[in-house]
Amino acid sequence: MDYVSALLPPVVMAAFFIGLVVTIVKSQGGPNKAKEDAAVDAALARAEAAQQQGGAAAS
């Protein structure tokens, strides 16, 4: 029975990891894709603006 208790945690972790990957893959695209893309684009634009603003203040 020691082998069962030794193998149980990795098997449980593998099952959760597989479930996580499946959830991520299924959530890609779909009706929320445009909203998610817009949020990422806005975050990138803010980061770029902050970087440019910081570079202008340093010079």
Protein backbone atom coordinates (compact mmCIF):
# COMPACT_ATOMS: atom_id res chain seq x y z
CA MET A 1 0.00 0.00 0.00
CA ASP A 2 3.01 2.31 0.29
CA TYR A 3 3.19 2.56 -3.49
CA VAL A 4 -0.39 3.84 -3.60
CA SER A 5 0.34 6.64 -1.14
CA ALA A 6 3.56 7.44 -3.04
CA LEU A 7 1.82 7.66 -6.43
CA LEU A 8 -1.37 9.42 -5.36
CA PRO A 9 -0.04 13.02 -5.11
CA PRO A 10 1.60 13.03 -8.60
CA VAL A 11 -1.49 11.49 -10.15
CA VAL A 12 -3.75 14.08 -8.50
CA MET A 13 -1.46 16.92 -9.60
CA ALA A 14 -1.36 15.56 -13.15
CA ALA A 15 -5.16 15.39 -13.26
CA PHE A 16 -5.47 19.00 -12.06
CA PHE A 17 -2.83 20.14 -14.56
CA ILE A 18 -4.61 18.40 -17.44
CA GLY A 19 -7.88 20.00 -16.35
CA LEU A 20 -6.20 23.41 -16.24
CA VAL A 21 -4.75 23.01 -19.73
CA VAL A 22 -8.10 21.85 -21.12
CA THR A 23 -9.85 24.83 -19.51
CA ILE A 24 -7.29 27.26 -20.95
CA VAL A 25 -7.54 25.77 -24.43
CA LYS A 26 -11.35 25.80 -24.37
CA SER A 27 -11.45 29.43 -23.21
CA GLN A 28 -9.33 30.63 -26.13
CA GLY A 29 -11.34 32.41 -28.79
CA GLY A 30 -15.09 32.49 -28.62
CA PRO A 31 -17.30 35.48 -27.91
CA ASN A 32 -14.91 37.01 -25.37
CA LYS A 33 -11.88 36.99 -27.67
CA ALA A 34 -12.39 40.57 -28.93
CA LYS A 35 -12.87 41.86 -25.37
CA GLU A 36 -9.76 40.04 -24.13
CA ASP A 37 -7.70 41.26 -27.11
CA ALA A 38 -8.84 44.83 -26.46
CA ALA A 39 -7.86 44.57 -22.80
CA VAL A 40 -4.39 43.26 -23.70
CA ASP A 41 -3.92 45.96 -26.34
CA ALA A 42 -4.91 48.65 -23.83
CA ALA A 43 -2.49 47.29 -21.21
CA LEU A 44 0.34 47.19 -23.75
CA ALA A 45 -0.43 50.73 -24.86
CA ARG A 46 -0.36 51.96 -21.24
CA ALA A 47 2.95 50.19 -20.60
CA GLU A 48 4.47 51.63 -23.77
CA ALA A 49 3.23 55.15 -22.94
CA ALA A 50 4.65 54.90 -19.42
CA GLN A 51 7.97 53.68 -20.78
CA GLN A 52 8.15 56.53 -23.30
CA GLN A 53 7.14 59.06 -20.66
CA GLY A 54 9.78 57.73 -18.29
CA GLY A 55 12.46 57.87 -21.00
CA ALA A 56 11.58 61.49 -21.85
CA ALA A 57 11.76 62.54 -18.20
CA ALA A 58 15.19 60.96 -17.74
CA SER A 59 16.81 62.82 -20.64
